[in-house]
Amino acid sequence: MRGALLLSAIAGAASAFAADVPRQLKWADLVPKTMPVEPLRGKTFFGGSTPVPDGSPPPPALPEGKFMSVKRRQPGSDRPPAVVPELDGQNVSIGGYVVPLDFDATTVKEFLLVPFVGACIHVPPPPANQIIYVKTDKGFEVGGQFDPVTVTGKINTTVAFTGLADAGYTITADSVEPRKK
């Protein structure tokens, strides 16, 4: 009897430990299996620009300092983002690059996590299911603008609307750690 209780306690502790271990996500895991997955490619700085047809005037210039307030058209922005509902509420870990939204000097508390360097800076940003809005109470120190990080925390399939792009997922981060390149 005592051995069965001990075995039961060990099994319970092991399952509790397994529940605490975050699920390691890849960016492709954020796209529903019913959708075709196109490989994400980084673009050159001018790679997202649209040529102006011959004879027509170029679009008007934005007022100085207003580029962040302009809503950029994302692929699929005409419909709700295609997310994986089974991820909602899971403890996960995923690597990517930081696009800061709320920061104080070099401490970032809110940011977009994106799969490649420069995403959301170029036009158009990636689809919403390839952008994660991350909140962290503690904040973290940014090493460099293009340094990769690993975010661990609880993921939700709540769409976040930011001035830069819409994010199909939200993570409340327990930790944000620099990743080795």
C-alpha atoms as a PDB file:
ATOM      1  CA  MET A   1       0.000   0.000   0.000  1.00  0.00           C
ATOM      2  CA  ARG A   2       2.746   2.413   0.966  1.00  0.00           C
ATOM      3  CA  GLY A   3       4.584   1.658  -2.303  1.00  0.00           C
ATOM      4  CA  ALA A   4       1.439   2.387  -4.351  1.00  0.00           C
ATOM      5  CA  LEU A   5       1.016   5.743  -2.582  1.00  0.00           C
ATOM      6  CA  LEU A   6       4.660   6.610  -3.197  1.00  0.00           C
ATOM      7  CA  LEU A   7       4.363   5.625  -6.864  1.00  0.00           C
ATOM      8  CA  SER A   8       1.172   7.697  -7.184  1.00  0.00           C
ATOM      9  CA  ALA A   9       2.880  10.730  -5.591  1.00  0.00           C
ATOM     10  CA  ILE A  10       5.863  10.419  -7.950  1.00  0.00           C
ATOM     11  CA  ALA A  11       3.578  10.113 -10.983  1.00  0.00           C
ATOM     12  CA  GLY A  12       1.596  13.170  -9.865  1.00  0.00           C
ATOM     13  CA  ALA A  13       4.763  15.208  -9.364  1.00  0.00           C
ATOM     14  CA  ALA A  14       6.098  14.125 -12.764  1.00  0.00           C
ATOM     15  CA  SER A  15       2.871  15.136 -14.529  1.00  0.00           C
ATOM     16  CA  ALA A  16       2.849  18.500 -12.695  1.00  0.00           C
ATOM     17  CA  PHE A  17       6.464  19.052 -13.787  1.00  0.00           C
ATOM     18  CA  ALA A  18       5.575  18.120 -17.388  1.00  0.00           C
ATOM     19  CA  ALA A  19       2.693  20.621 -17.308  1.00  0.00           C
ATOM     20  CA  ASP A  20       5.127  23.382 -16.252  1.00  0.00           C
ATOM     21  CA  VAL A  21       7.557  22.689 -19.107  1.00  0.00           C
ATOM     22  CA  PRO A  22       6.731  25.139 -21.918  1.00  0.00           C
ATOM     23  CA  ARG A  23       5.865  23.787 -25.345  1.00  0.00           C
ATOM     24  CA  GLN A  24       8.583  24.721 -27.823  1.00  0.00           C
ATOM     25  CA  LEU A  25       6.912  26.448 -30.784  1.00  0.00           C
ATOM     26  CA  LYS A  26       8.168  27.104 -34.277  1.00  0.00           C
ATOM     27  CA  TRP A  27       6.601  29.853 -36.379  1.00  0.00           C
ATOM     28  CA  ALA A  28       4.928  27.285 -38.645  1.00  0.00           C
ATOM     29  CA  ASP A  29       3.057  25.993 -35.556  1.00  0.00           C
ATOM     30  CA  LEU A  30       1.128  29.291 -35.476  1.00  0.00           C
ATOM     31  CA  VAL A  31      -0.442  28.652 -38.886  1.00  0.00           C
ATOM     32  CA  PRO A  32      -3.477  26.334 -39.042  1.00  0.00           C
ATOM     33  CA  LYS A  33      -2.736  23.052 -40.820  1.00  0.00           C
ATOM     34  CA  THR A  34      -5.532  23.783 -43.316  1.00  0.00           C
ATOM     35  CA  MET A  35      -3.654  26.839 -44.609  1.00  0.00           C
ATOM     36  CA  PRO A  36      -0.789  26.517 -47.062  1.00  0.00           C
ATOM     37  CA  VAL A  37       2.457  27.560 -45.411  1.00  0.00           C
ATOM     38  CA  GLU A  38       4.569  29.869 -47.504  1.00  0.00           C
ATOM     39  CA  PRO A  39       8.172  30.241 -46.418  1.00  0.00           C
ATOM     40  CA  LEU A  40       8.872  33.593 -44.792  1.00  0.00           C
ATOM     41  CA  ARG A  41      11.614  35.513 -46.473  1.00  0.00           C
ATOM     42  CA  GLY A  42      13.309  38.628 -45.245  1.00  0.00           C
ATOM     43  CA  LYS A  43      13.043  41.574 -47.586  1.00  0.00           C
ATOM     44  CA  THR A  44      15.454  44.269 -48.518  1.00  0.00           C
ATOM     45  CA  PHE A  45      14.681  47.710 -47.138  1.00  0.00           C
ATOM     46  CA  PHE A  46      12.872  48.742 -50.322  1.00  0.00           C
ATOM     47  CA  GLY A  47      11.484  45.253 -51.014  1.00  0.00           C
ATOM     48  CA  GLY A  48       7.962  46.097 -49.858  1.00  0.00           C
ATOM     49  CA  SER A  49       7.498  49.243 -51.924  1.00  0.00           C
ATOM     50  CA  THR A  50       4.924  49.389 -54.680  1.00  0.00           C
ATOM     51  CA  PRO A  51       6.028  50.954 -57.954  1.00  0.00           C
ATOM     52  CA  VAL A  52       4.057  53.972 -59.143  1.00  0.00           C
ATOM     53  CA  PRO A  53       2.556  53.456 -62.620  1.00  0.00           C
ATOM     54  CA  ASP A  54       4.012  55.675 -65.333  1.00  0.00           C
ATOM     55  CA  GLY A  55       2.376  59.064 -65.576  1.00  0.00           C
ATOM     56  CA  SER A  56       0.658  59.046 -62.182  1.00  0.00           C
ATOM     57  CA  PRO A  57       1.854  61.202 -59.308  1.00  0.00           C
ATOM     58  CA  PRO A  58       3.577  59.532 -56.349  1.00  0.00           C
ATOM     59  CA  PRO A  59       1.604  59.235 -53.098  1.00  0.00           C
ATOM     60  CA  PRO A  60       1.865  62.270 -50.805  1.00  0.00           C
ATOM     61  CA  ALA A  61       4.661  62.241 -48.262  1.00  0.00           C
ATOM     62  CA  LEU A  62       3.738  61.550 -44.656  1.00  0.00           C
ATOM     63  CA  PRO A  63       4.246  64.380 -42.161  1.00  0.00           C
ATOM     64  CA  GLU A  64       7.527  64.114 -40.266  1.00  0.00           C
ATOM     65  CA  GLY A  65       7.314  61.626 -37.393  1.00  0.00           C
ATOM     66  CA  LYS A  66       3.885  60.211 -38.380  1.00  0.00           C
ATOM     67  CA  PHE A  67       4.956  56.970 -40.090  1.00  0.00           C
ATOM     68  CA  MET A  68       4.271  54.903 -36.938  1.00  0.00           C
ATOM     69  CA  SER A  69       0.626  56.010 -36.798  1.00  0.00           C
ATOM     70  CA  VAL A  70      -0.228  54.855 -40.317  1.00  0.00           C
ATOM     71  CA  LYS A  71      -2.006  51.490 -40.498  1.00  0.00           C
ATOM     72  CA  ARG A  72      -0.105  49.245 -42.887  1.00  0.00           C
ATOM     73  CA  ARG A  73      -1.929  46.693 -44.990  1.00  0.00           C
ATOM     74  CA  GLN A  74      -1.068  43.175 -43.900  1.00  0.00           C
ATOM     75  CA  PRO A  75      -1.608  40.049 -45.988  1.00  0.00           C
ATOM     76  CA  GLY A  76      -5.061  38.745 -45.063  1.00  0.00           C
ATOM     77  CA  SER A  77      -6.068  41.944 -43.242  1.00  0.00           C
ATOM     78  CA  ASP A  78      -9.476  41.855 -44.929  1.00  0.00           C
ATOM     79  CA  ARG A  79     -10.535  38.871 -42.758  1.00  0.00           C
ATOM     80  CA  PRO A  80      -9.968  37.613 -39.181  1.00  0.00           C
ATOM     81  CA  PRO A  81      -6.508  36.142 -38.618  1.00  0.00           C
ATOM     82  CA  ALA A  82      -6.202  32.379 -39.098  1.00  0.00           C
ATOM     83  CA  VAL A  83      -4.891  31.182 -35.740  1.00  0.00           C
ATOM     84  CA  VAL A  84      -4.548  27.782 -34.077  1.00  0.00           C
ATOM     85  CA  PRO A  85      -7.221  27.798 -31.333  1.00  0.00           C
ATOM     86  CA  GLU A  86      -5.669  24.775 -29.557  1.00  0.00           C
ATOM     87  CA  LEU A  87      -2.723  26.988 -28.525  1.00  0.00           C
ATOM     88  CA  ASP A  88      -4.966  29.256 -26.419  1.00  0.00           C
ATOM     89  CA  GLY A  89      -3.893  29.204 -22.764  1.00  0.00           C
ATOM     90  CA  GLN A  90      -0.796  27.016 -23.262  1.00  0.00           C
ATOM     91  CA  ASN A  91       2.579  27.674 -21.684  1.00  0.00           C
ATOM     92  CA  VAL A  92       4.943  28.110 -24.653  1.00  0.00           C
ATOM     93  CA  SER A  93       8.426  29.179 -25.665  1.00  0.00           C
ATOM     94  CA  ILE A  94       9.259  30.693 -29.071  1.00  0.00           C
ATOM     95  CA  GLY A  95      12.211  32.521 -30.550  1.00  0.00           C
ATOM     96  CA  GLY A  96      12.099  35.597 -32.745  1.00  0.00           C
ATOM     97  CA  TYR A  97      12.991  39.258 -33.091  1.00  0.00           C
ATOM     98  CA  VAL A  98      11.768  42.267 -31.107  1.00  0.00           C
ATOM     99  CA  VAL A  99       9.915  45.255 -32.542  1.00  0.00           C
ATOM    100  CA  PRO A 100       9.573  47.526 -29.460  1.00  0.00           C
ATOM    101  CA  LEU A 101       6.238  49.232 -28.756  1.00  0.00           C
ATOM    102  CA  ASP A 102       6.581  50.447 -25.148  1.00  0.00           C
ATOM    103  CA  PHE A 103       9.991  51.100 -23.671  1.00  0.00           C
ATOM    104  CA  ASP A 104      11.843  53.286 -21.219  1.00  0.00           C
ATOM    105  CA  ALA A 105      15.398  53.937 -22.396  1.00  0.00           C
ATOM    106  CA  THR A 106      16.611  50.374 -23.083  1.00  0.00           C
ATOM    107  CA  THR A 107      13.958  48.523 -21.038  1.00  0.00           C
ATOM    108  CA  VAL A 108      11.154  47.091 -23.180  1.00  0.00           C
ATOM    109  CA  LYS A 109       7.786  46.120 -21.641  1.00  0.00           C
ATOM    110  CA  GLU A 110       5.611  45.650 -24.744  1.00  0.00           C
ATOM    111  CA  PHE A 111       6.737  44.517 -28.168  1.00  0.00           C
ATOM    112  CA  LEU A 112       5.883  42.565 -31.269  1.00  0.00           C
ATOM    113  CA  LEU A 113       7.725  39.273 -31.687  1.00  0.00           C
ATOM    114  CA  VAL A 114       8.328  38.553 -35.354  1.00  0.00           C
ATOM    115  CA  PRO A 115       9.962  35.648 -37.215  1.00  0.00           C
ATOM    116  CA  PHE A 116      12.645  37.565 -39.123  1.00  0.00           C
ATOM    117  CA  VAL A 117      14.780  40.668 -38.771  1.00  0.00           C
ATOM    118  CA  GLY A 118      13.066  43.833 -39.944  1.00  0.00           C
ATOM    119  CA  ALA A 119       9.498  42.488 -40.074  1.00  0.00           C
ATOM    120  CA  CYS A 120       6.930  45.247 -39.344  1.00  0.00           C
ATOM    121  CA  ILE A 121       9.456  47.916 -40.298  1.00  0.00           C
ATOM    122  CA  HIS A 122       8.896  47.180 -43.962  1.00  0.00           C
ATOM    123  CA  VAL A 123       5.641  47.436 -45.890  1.00  0.00           C
ATOM    124  CA  PRO A 124       3.626  45.239 -45.678  1.00  0.00           C
ATOM    125  CA  PRO A 125       4.123  43.473 -42.349  1.00  0.00           C
ATOM    126  CA  PRO A 126       3.749  39.662 -42.105  1.00  0.00           C
ATOM    127  CA  PRO A 127       0.267  38.140 -41.726  1.00  0.00           C
ATOM    128  CA  ALA A 128      -1.251  38.484 -38.248  1.00  0.00           C
ATOM    129  CA  ASN A 129      -0.663  34.799 -37.432  1.00  0.00           C
ATOM    130  CA  GLN A 130       3.070  35.441 -37.803  1.00  0.00           C
ATOM    131  CA  ILE A 131       3.158  38.302 -35.287  1.00  0.00           C
ATOM    132  CA  ILE A 132       2.899  37.920 -31.500  1.00  0.00           C
ATOM    133  CA  TYR A 133       2.105  40.832 -29.194  1.00  0.00           C
ATOM    134  CA  VAL A 134       4.164  40.354 -26.006  1.00  0.00           C
ATOM    135  CA  LYS A 135       3.624  42.012 -22.616  1.00  0.00           C
ATOM    136  CA  THR A 136       6.037  41.640 -19.719  1.00  0.00           C
ATOM    137  CA  ASP A 137       5.584  43.344 -16.352  1.00  0.00           C
ATOM    138  CA  LYS A 138       9.274  43.230 -15.502  1.00  0.00           C
ATOM    139  CA  GLY A 139      10.553  44.421 -18.860  1.00  0.00           C
ATOM    140  CA  PHE A 140      13.897  43.392 -20.255  1.00  0.00           C
ATOM    141  CA  GLU A 141      17.029  45.110 -21.473  1.00  0.00           C
ATOM    142  CA  VAL A 142      17.458  45.288 -25.230  1.00  0.00           C
ATOM    143  CA  GLY A 143      20.957  44.278 -26.269  1.00  0.00           C
ATOM    144  CA  GLY A 144      20.752  45.373 -29.898  1.00  0.00           C
ATOM    145  CA  GLN A 145      18.028  46.210 -32.370  1.00  0.00           C
ATOM    146  CA  PHE A 146      18.309  42.947 -34.287  1.00  0.00           C
ATOM    147  CA  ASP A 147      19.259  40.555 -31.479  1.00  0.00           C
ATOM    148  CA  PRO A 148      17.098  37.403 -31.313  1.00  0.00           C
ATOM    149  CA  VAL A 149      15.219  36.536 -28.107  1.00  0.00           C
ATOM    150  CA  THR A 150      13.281  33.586 -26.695  1.00  0.00           C
ATOM    151  CA  VAL A 151       9.947  34.423 -25.084  1.00  0.00           C
ATOM    152  CA  THR A 152       8.363  32.044 -22.562  1.00  0.00           C
ATOM    153  CA  GLY A 153       4.867  32.511 -21.183  1.00  0.00           C
ATOM    154  CA  LYS A 154       1.157  31.946 -21.658  1.00  0.00           C
ATOM    155  CA  ILE A 155      -0.126  32.361 -25.221  1.00  0.00           C
ATOM    156  CA  ASN A 156      -3.623  33.518 -26.135  1.00  0.00           C
ATOM    157  CA  THR A 157      -5.361  33.664 -29.493  1.00  0.00           C
ATOM    158  CA  THR A 158      -6.521  37.200 -28.751  1.00  0.00           C
ATOM    159  CA  VAL A 159      -5.940  39.586 -31.650  1.00  0.00           C
ATOM    160  CA  ALA A 160      -3.958  42.676 -30.647  1.00  0.00           C
ATOM    161  CA  PHE A 161      -4.360  45.825 -32.720  1.00  0.00           C
ATOM    162  CA  THR A 162      -1.249  48.002 -32.624  1.00  0.00           C
ATOM    163  CA  GLY A 163      -0.285  51.059 -34.633  1.00  0.00           C
ATOM    164  CA  LEU A 164       2.342  49.045 -36.462  1.00  0.00           C
ATOM    165  CA  ALA A 165       0.503  45.809 -37.285  1.00  0.00           C
ATOM    166  CA  ASP A 166      -2.196  43.449 -36.021  1.00  0.00           C
ATOM    167  CA  ALA A 167      -0.973  40.433 -34.061  1.00  0.00           C
ATOM    168  CA  GLY A 168      -2.909  37.156 -34.128  1.00  0.00           C
ATOM    169  CA  TYR A 169      -1.506  36.015 -30.789  1.00  0.00           C
ATOM    170  CA  THR A 170      -0.683  37.563 -27.417  1.00  0.00           C
ATOM    171  CA  ILE A 171       1.862  36.247 -24.906  1.00  0.00           C
ATOM    172  CA  THR A 172       2.054  37.347 -21.304  1.00  0.00           C
ATOM    173  CA  ALA A 173       5.761  36.719 -20.845  1.00  0.00           C
ATOM    174  CA  ASP A 174       7.264  35.071 -17.796  1.00  0.00           C
ATOM    175  CA  SER A 175      10.724  35.558 -19.308  1.00  0.00           C
ATOM    176  CA  VAL A 176      12.440  37.135 -22.304  1.00  0.00           C
ATOM    177  CA  GLU A 177      15.959  35.822 -22.796  1.00  0.00           C
ATOM    178  CA  PRO A 178      18.610  36.691 -25.404  1.00  0.00           C
ATOM    179  CA  ARG A 179      19.202  33.861 -27.868  1.00  0.00           C
ATOM    180  CA  LYS A 180      22.510  32.772 -29.258  1.00  0.00           C
ATOM    181  CA  LYS A 181      22.750  33.495 -32.961  1.00  0.00           C
END
